[in-house]
């Protein structure tokens, strides 16, 4: 249970928008949900509704139903016991993350971002593929082998996070091999620790 100063998650800030509607339940915490609570979604928050939604996401990703209620009011446990919903229910993920992938997604800081093409994004999302250098179109940040990186797809200047994973190559090497086939890695770098950039076992794909 998470406490706030409002009666749950609303379609807009009820303090500023009196006709905002409370959502009784949220099946999945998506970018659209983060857009409701502020423009800075997917960044580190320090307070407010965004932080509460992030906390709910961490819990639901591990298979834990979470309720957001108004902490200035009492009787929430009694209401839940009667089958009533005094706030907003964030339903547990249909496929909870294993402990290691939950740690990667929610606790391991990201050191950079890899922008991938649409084909690579689809392969990560729908085929359970590893990320190969051929699908990378841009490298951002300073990071080393073993660091966590965001993996995103760009459209008209907007980035959508596809996944997060642990890279087998540092930023400097990736800038040299991005867009190339795996068999060319050794030719460019004189060595090839792996024929992939992020292995699927070290990858957490966004829902």
C-alpha atoms as a PDB file:
ATOM      1  CA  UNK A   1       0.000   0.000   0.000  1.00  0.00           C
ATOM      2  CA  UNK A   2       1.272   3.459  -0.978  1.00  0.00           C
ATOM      3  CA  UNK A   3      -0.134   6.612   0.598  1.00  0.00           C
ATOM      4  CA  UNK A   4      -0.671   9.963  -1.113  1.00  0.00           C
ATOM      5  CA  UNK A   5      -2.631  13.149  -0.460  1.00  0.00           C
ATOM      6  CA  UNK A   6      -5.242  12.269  -3.095  1.00  0.00           C
ATOM      7  CA  UNK A   7      -7.612   9.324  -3.442  1.00  0.00           C
ATOM      8  CA  UNK A   8      -5.585   7.433  -6.049  1.00  0.00           C
ATOM      9  CA  UNK A   9      -4.253   7.955  -9.566  1.00  0.00           C
ATOM     10  CA  UNK A  10      -6.210  10.478 -11.610  1.00  0.00           C
ATOM     11  CA  UNK A  11      -6.309  11.316 -15.303  1.00  0.00           C
ATOM     12  CA  UNK A  12      -4.874  14.729 -14.301  1.00  0.00           C
ATOM     13  CA  UNK A  13      -3.810  16.452 -11.090  1.00  0.00           C
ATOM     14  CA  UNK A  14      -7.100  16.776  -9.144  1.00  0.00           C
ATOM     15  CA  UNK A  15      -5.713  19.813  -7.304  1.00  0.00           C
ATOM     16  CA  UNK A  16      -5.528  21.679 -10.625  1.00  0.00           C
ATOM     17  CA  UNK A  17      -8.242  19.881 -12.591  1.00  0.00           C
ATOM     18  CA  UNK A  18     -11.430  19.415 -10.542  1.00  0.00           C
ATOM     19  CA  UNK A  19     -13.072  17.219 -13.182  1.00  0.00           C
ATOM     20  CA  UNK A  20     -10.144  14.765 -13.323  1.00  0.00           C
ATOM     21  CA  UNK A  21     -11.280  11.163 -12.976  1.00  0.00           C
ATOM     22  CA  UNK A  22      -9.829   8.594 -10.597  1.00  0.00           C
ATOM     23  CA  UNK A  23      -8.645   5.354 -12.146  1.00  0.00           C
ATOM     24  CA  UNK A  24      -9.929   2.450 -10.017  1.00  0.00           C
ATOM     25  CA  UNK A  25      -7.397   0.026 -11.525  1.00  0.00           C
ATOM     26  CA  UNK A  26      -4.299   0.021 -13.727  1.00  0.00           C
ATOM     27  CA  UNK A  27      -3.472  -3.203 -15.554  1.00  0.00           C
ATOM     28  CA  UNK A  28       0.006  -2.139 -16.714  1.00  0.00           C
ATOM     29  CA  UNK A  29       2.217   0.858 -15.963  1.00  0.00           C
ATOM     30  CA  UNK A  30       2.999   2.219 -19.419  1.00  0.00           C
ATOM     31  CA  UNK A  31       4.472   5.440 -20.779  1.00  0.00           C
ATOM     32  CA  UNK A  32       0.897   6.734 -21.030  1.00  0.00           C
ATOM     33  CA  UNK A  33       0.499   6.300 -17.268  1.00  0.00           C
ATOM     34  CA  UNK A  34       3.756   8.188 -16.673  1.00  0.00           C
ATOM     35  CA  UNK A  35       2.545  10.945 -19.001  1.00  0.00           C
ATOM     36  CA  UNK A  36      -0.413  11.453 -16.662  1.00  0.00           C
ATOM     37  CA  UNK A  37       1.850  12.229 -13.727  1.00  0.00           C
ATOM     38  CA  UNK A  38       4.333  14.543 -15.443  1.00  0.00           C
ATOM     39  CA  UNK A  39       6.537  15.123 -18.485  1.00  0.00           C
ATOM     40  CA  UNK A  40       9.693  13.758 -16.870  1.00  0.00           C
ATOM     41  CA  UNK A  41       8.692  10.060 -16.867  1.00  0.00           C
ATOM     42  CA  UNK A  42      11.448   7.461 -16.986  1.00  0.00           C
ATOM     43  CA  UNK A  43      13.813   9.793 -15.160  1.00  0.00           C
ATOM     44  CA  UNK A  44      14.869   9.757 -11.518  1.00  0.00           C
ATOM     45  CA  UNK A  45      12.181  11.406  -9.420  1.00  0.00           C
ATOM     46  CA  UNK A  46      12.445  12.948  -5.972  1.00  0.00           C
ATOM     47  CA  UNK A  47       8.811  13.097  -4.896  1.00  0.00           C
ATOM     48  CA  UNK A  48       5.185  13.431  -5.908  1.00  0.00           C
ATOM     49  CA  UNK A  49       2.967  11.086  -7.868  1.00  0.00           C
ATOM     50  CA  UNK A  50       5.717  10.045 -10.283  1.00  0.00           C
ATOM     51  CA  UNK A  51       7.737   8.516  -7.441  1.00  0.00           C
ATOM     52  CA  UNK A  52       4.654   6.663  -6.220  1.00  0.00           C
ATOM     53  CA  UNK A  53       3.983   5.236  -9.665  1.00  0.00           C
ATOM     54  CA  UNK A  54       7.624   4.140  -9.900  1.00  0.00           C
ATOM     55  CA  UNK A  55       7.289   2.393  -6.535  1.00  0.00           C
ATOM     56  CA  UNK A  56       4.129   0.658  -7.746  1.00  0.00           C
ATOM     57  CA  UNK A  57       5.931  -0.458 -10.918  1.00  0.00           C
ATOM     58  CA  UNK A  58       8.778  -2.000  -8.915  1.00  0.00           C
ATOM     59  CA  UNK A  59       6.279  -3.954  -6.832  1.00  0.00           C
ATOM     60  CA  UNK A  60       4.023  -5.087  -9.668  1.00  0.00           C
ATOM     61  CA  UNK A  61       7.011  -6.204 -11.735  1.00  0.00           C
ATOM     62  CA  UNK A  62       7.752  -8.702  -8.935  1.00  0.00           C
ATOM     63  CA  UNK A  63       4.172  -9.970  -8.885  1.00  0.00           C
ATOM     64  CA  UNK A  64       2.800  -7.833  -6.041  1.00  0.00           C
ATOM     65  CA  UNK A  65      -0.572  -6.072  -6.301  1.00  0.00           C
ATOM     66  CA  UNK A  66      -0.228  -2.491  -5.059  1.00  0.00           C
ATOM     67  CA  UNK A  67      -2.869  -0.017  -3.887  1.00  0.00           C
ATOM     68  CA  UNK A  68      -2.456   3.771  -3.933  1.00  0.00           C
ATOM     69  CA  UNK A  69      -4.673   5.449  -1.328  1.00  0.00           C
ATOM     70  CA  UNK A  70      -5.164   8.782   0.406  1.00  0.00           C
ATOM     71  CA  UNK A  71      -2.968   8.644   3.506  1.00  0.00           C
ATOM     72  CA  UNK A  72      -4.847  11.476   5.180  1.00  0.00           C
ATOM     73  CA  UNK A  73      -7.918   9.257   5.493  1.00  0.00           C
ATOM     74  CA  UNK A  74      -8.405   6.107   7.538  1.00  0.00           C
ATOM     75  CA  UNK A  75     -10.236   2.832   7.098  1.00  0.00           C
ATOM     76  CA  UNK A  76      -8.423   1.634   3.976  1.00  0.00           C
ATOM     77  CA  UNK A  77      -7.691  -1.870   5.252  1.00  0.00           C
ATOM     78  CA  UNK A  78     -11.282  -2.289   6.394  1.00  0.00           C
ATOM     79  CA  UNK A  79     -12.514  -1.120   2.977  1.00  0.00           C
ATOM     80  CA  UNK A  80     -10.256  -3.568   1.184  1.00  0.00           C
ATOM     81  CA  UNK A  81     -11.482  -6.336   3.467  1.00  0.00           C
ATOM     82  CA  UNK A  82     -15.042  -5.531   2.408  1.00  0.00           C
ATOM     83  CA  UNK A  83     -14.056  -5.842  -1.240  1.00  0.00           C
ATOM     84  CA  UNK A  84     -14.095  -2.085  -1.826  1.00  0.00           C
ATOM     85  CA  UNK A  85     -11.345  -0.147  -3.611  1.00  0.00           C
ATOM     86  CA  UNK A  86     -10.564   3.072  -1.714  1.00  0.00           C
ATOM     87  CA  UNK A  87      -7.910   4.181  -4.213  1.00  0.00           C
ATOM     88  CA  UNK A  88      -6.229   2.819  -7.337  1.00  0.00           C
ATOM     89  CA  UNK A  89      -5.198  -0.815  -7.705  1.00  0.00           C
ATOM     90  CA  UNK A  90      -2.043  -1.448  -9.707  1.00  0.00           C
ATOM     91  CA  UNK A  91      -2.351  -5.065 -10.772  1.00  0.00           C
ATOM     92  CA  UNK A  92       0.653  -7.362 -10.630  1.00  0.00           C
ATOM     93  CA  UNK A  93       2.451  -8.093 -13.878  1.00  0.00           C
ATOM     94  CA  UNK A  94       1.166 -11.102 -15.809  1.00  0.00           C
ATOM     95  CA  UNK A  95       4.751 -12.370 -16.026  1.00  0.00           C
ATOM     96  CA  UNK A  96       6.691 -11.134 -12.962  1.00  0.00           C
ATOM     97  CA  UNK A  97      10.387 -10.526 -13.484  1.00  0.00           C
ATOM     98  CA  UNK A  98      12.959 -12.900 -12.006  1.00  0.00           C
ATOM     99  CA  UNK A  99      15.001 -11.353  -9.214  1.00  0.00           C
ATOM    100  CA  UNK A 100      18.092 -10.688 -11.359  1.00  0.00           C
ATOM    101  CA  UNK A 101      16.170  -8.975 -14.157  1.00  0.00           C
ATOM    102  CA  UNK A 102      14.165  -6.962 -11.619  1.00  0.00           C
ATOM    103  CA  UNK A 103      17.476  -5.761 -10.147  1.00  0.00           C
ATOM    104  CA  UNK A 104      18.776  -4.892 -13.612  1.00  0.00           C
ATOM    105  CA  UNK A 105      15.687  -2.882 -14.515  1.00  0.00           C
ATOM    106  CA  UNK A 106      15.035  -1.065 -11.249  1.00  0.00           C
ATOM    107  CA  UNK A 107      18.299  -0.928  -9.280  1.00  0.00           C
ATOM    108  CA  UNK A 108      21.178  -0.977 -11.771  1.00  0.00           C
ATOM    109  CA  UNK A 109      21.898   2.576 -13.019  1.00  0.00           C
ATOM    110  CA  UNK A 110      22.080   3.150 -16.754  1.00  0.00           C
ATOM    111  CA  UNK A 111      25.374   4.531 -18.055  1.00  0.00           C
ATOM    112  CA  UNK A 112      24.289   5.295 -21.612  1.00  0.00           C
ATOM    113  CA  UNK A 113      21.811   4.743 -24.394  1.00  0.00           C
ATOM    114  CA  UNK A 114      21.863   2.718 -27.598  1.00  0.00           C
ATOM    115  CA  UNK A 115      19.427   3.780 -30.300  1.00  0.00           C
ATOM    116  CA  UNK A 116      18.376   0.858 -32.493  1.00  0.00           C
ATOM    117  CA  UNK A 117      16.483   0.568 -35.753  1.00  0.00           C
ATOM    118  CA  UNK A 118      12.910  -0.695 -35.992  1.00  0.00           C
ATOM    119  CA  UNK A 119      13.987  -4.175 -37.060  1.00  0.00           C
ATOM    120  CA  UNK A 120      16.209  -4.623 -34.021  1.00  0.00           C
ATOM    121  CA  UNK A 121      13.485  -3.269 -31.739  1.00  0.00           C
ATOM    122  CA  UNK A 122      10.977  -5.784 -33.111  1.00  0.00           C
ATOM    123  CA  UNK A 123      13.471  -8.638 -32.712  1.00  0.00           C
ATOM    124  CA  UNK A 124      14.072  -7.721 -29.068  1.00  0.00           C
ATOM    125  CA  UNK A 125      10.375  -7.308 -28.303  1.00  0.00           C
ATOM    126  CA  UNK A 126       8.885 -10.242 -30.168  1.00  0.00           C
ATOM    127  CA  UNK A 127      11.604 -12.782 -30.938  1.00  0.00           C
ATOM    128  CA  UNK A 128      13.605 -12.949 -27.705  1.00  0.00           C
ATOM    129  CA  UNK A 129      16.716 -11.975 -29.643  1.00  0.00           C
ATOM    130  CA  UNK A 130      20.046 -10.647 -28.414  1.00  0.00           C
ATOM    131  CA  UNK A 131      21.077  -7.170 -29.523  1.00  0.00           C
ATOM    132  CA  UNK A 132      23.562  -7.302 -32.403  1.00  0.00           C
ATOM    133  CA  UNK A 133      25.797  -4.432 -33.580  1.00  0.00           C
ATOM    134  CA  UNK A 134      24.016  -4.351 -36.946  1.00  0.00           C
ATOM    135  CA  UNK A 135      20.860  -2.984 -35.319  1.00  0.00           C
ATOM    136  CA  UNK A 136      22.523  -0.058 -33.529  1.00  0.00           C
ATOM    137  CA  UNK A 137      22.268   3.364 -35.174  1.00  0.00           C
ATOM    138  CA  UNK A 138      23.585   5.649 -32.398  1.00  0.00           C
ATOM    139  CA  UNK A 139      25.623   5.413 -29.191  1.00  0.00           C
ATOM    140  CA  UNK A 140      25.299   7.922 -26.345  1.00  0.00           C
ATOM    141  CA  UNK A 141      27.164   8.188 -23.056  1.00  0.00           C
ATOM    142  CA  UNK A 142      30.466   7.020 -21.655  1.00  0.00           C
ATOM    143  CA  UNK A 143      30.318   3.439 -20.492  1.00  0.00           C
ATOM    144  CA  UNK A 144      32.436   0.318 -20.326  1.00  0.00           C
ATOM    145  CA  UNK A 145      31.886  -3.355 -20.888  1.00  0.00           C
ATOM    146  CA  UNK A 146      29.614  -4.697 -18.132  1.00  0.00           C
ATOM    147  CA  UNK A 147      27.683  -1.443 -17.660  1.00  0.00           C
ATOM    148  CA  UNK A 148      23.919  -1.200 -18.041  1.00  0.00           C
ATOM    149  CA  UNK A 149      22.537   0.750 -20.991  1.00  0.00           C
ATOM    150  CA  UNK A 150      19.114   1.829 -22.148  1.00  0.00           C
ATOM    151  CA  UNK A 151      18.039   0.528 -25.548  1.00  0.00           C
ATOM    152  CA  UNK A 152      15.611   2.785 -27.383  1.00  0.00           C
ATOM    153  CA  UNK A 153      14.036   3.399 -30.769  1.00  0.00           C
ATOM    154  CA  UNK A 154      13.706   6.940 -32.134  1.00  0.00           C
ATOM    155  CA  UNK A 155      10.852   8.353 -34.192  1.00  0.00           C
ATOM    156  CA  UNK A 156      10.533  12.011 -35.131  1.00  0.00           C
ATOM    157  CA  UNK A 157      12.826  13.116 -32.334  1.00  0.00           C
ATOM    158  CA  UNK A 158      11.100  11.061 -29.620  1.00  0.00           C
ATOM    159  CA  UNK A 159      12.704   8.065 -27.971  1.00  0.00           C
ATOM    160  CA  UNK A 160      10.805   5.049 -26.675  1.00  0.00           C
ATOM    161  CA  UNK A 161      12.660   2.688 -24.376  1.00  0.00           C
ATOM    162  CA  UNK A 162      12.618  -0.849 -25.727  1.00  0.00           C
ATOM    163  CA  UNK A 163      14.820  -2.576 -23.192  1.00  0.00           C
ATOM    164  CA  UNK A 164      17.660  -2.279 -20.706  1.00  0.00           C
ATOM    165  CA  UNK A 165      20.656  -4.556 -20.624  1.00  0.00           C
ATOM    166  CA  UNK A 166      24.291  -5.178 -19.795  1.00  0.00           C
ATOM    167  CA  UNK A 167      26.623  -4.413 -22.689  1.00  0.00           C
ATOM    168  CA  UNK A 168      29.565  -6.548 -23.771  1.00  0.00           C
ATOM    169  CA  UNK A 169      31.289  -3.550 -25.392  1.00  0.00           C
ATOM    170  CA  UNK A 170      32.195  -0.078 -24.211  1.00  0.00           C
ATOM    171  CA  UNK A 171      30.976   3.085 -25.893  1.00  0.00           C
ATOM    172  CA  UNK A 172      34.200   3.729 -27.822  1.00  0.00           C
ATOM    173  CA  UNK A 173      34.177   0.246 -29.368  1.00  0.00           C
ATOM    174  CA  UNK A 174      30.458   0.404 -30.130  1.00  0.00           C
ATOM    175  CA  UNK A 175      30.899   3.628 -32.055  1.00  0.00           C
ATOM    176  CA  UNK A 176      33.298   1.715 -34.333  1.00  0.00           C
ATOM    177  CA  UNK A 177      31.162  -1.390 -34.846  1.00  0.00           C
ATOM    178  CA  UNK A 178      27.618   0.023 -34.823  1.00  0.00           C
ATOM    179  CA  UNK A 179      25.700  -0.939 -37.931  1.00  0.00           C
ATOM    180  CA  UNK A 180      28.144  -3.732 -38.808  1.00  0.00           C
ATOM    181  CA  UNK A 181      27.553  -7.451 -39.007  1.00  0.00           C
ATOM    182  CA  UNK A 182      28.813  -9.568 -36.116  1.00  0.00           C
ATOM    183  CA  UNK A 183      31.467 -11.290 -38.219  1.00  0.00           C
ATOM    184  CA  UNK A 184      33.119  -7.898 -38.826  1.00  0.00           C
ATOM    185  CA  UNK A 185      33.728  -7.149 -35.135  1.00  0.00           C
ATOM    186  CA  UNK A 186      37.124  -8.826 -34.988  1.00  0.00           C
ATOM    187  CA  UNK A 187      38.199  -7.120 -38.214  1.00  0.00           C
ATOM    188  CA  UNK A 188      37.438  -3.691 -36.759  1.00  0.00           C
ATOM    189  CA  UNK A 189      38.536  -4.179 -33.145  1.00  0.00           C
ATOM    190  CA  UNK A 190      41.175  -6.912 -33.622  1.00  0.00           C
ATOM    191  CA  UNK A 191      39.225  -8.999 -31.116  1.00  0.00           C
ATOM    192  CA  UNK A 192      35.631 -10.044 -30.531  1.00  0.00           C
ATOM    193  CA  UNK A 193      34.712 -10.900 -26.918  1.00  0.00           C
ATOM    194  CA  UNK A 194      31.188 -11.678 -28.151  1.00  0.00           C
ATOM    195  CA  UNK A 195      29.262 -11.674 -31.427  1.00  0.00           C
ATOM    196  CA  UNK A 196      26.436  -9.750 -29.742  1.00  0.00           C
ATOM    197  CA  UNK A 197      26.293  -6.458 -27.852  1.00  0.00           C
ATOM    198  CA  UNK A 198      23.710  -7.459 -25.235  1.00  0.00           C
ATOM    199  CA  UNK A 199      22.831 -11.118 -24.731  1.00  0.00           C
ATOM    200  CA  UNK A 200      19.154 -11.883 -24.302  1.00  0.00           C
ATOM    201  CA  UNK A 201      19.859 -13.320 -20.826  1.00  0.00           C
ATOM    202  CA  UNK A 202      21.249  -9.895 -19.838  1.00  0.00           C
ATOM    203  CA  UNK A 203      18.286  -8.023 -21.320  1.00  0.00           C
ATOM    204  CA  UNK A 204      15.013  -6.794 -19.833  1.00  0.00           C
ATOM    205  CA  UNK A 205      12.460  -5.949 -22.510  1.00  0.00           C
ATOM    206  CA  UNK A 206       9.807  -3.338 -21.776  1.00  0.00           C
ATOM    207  CA  UNK A 207       6.250  -4.625 -21.616  1.00  0.00           C
END
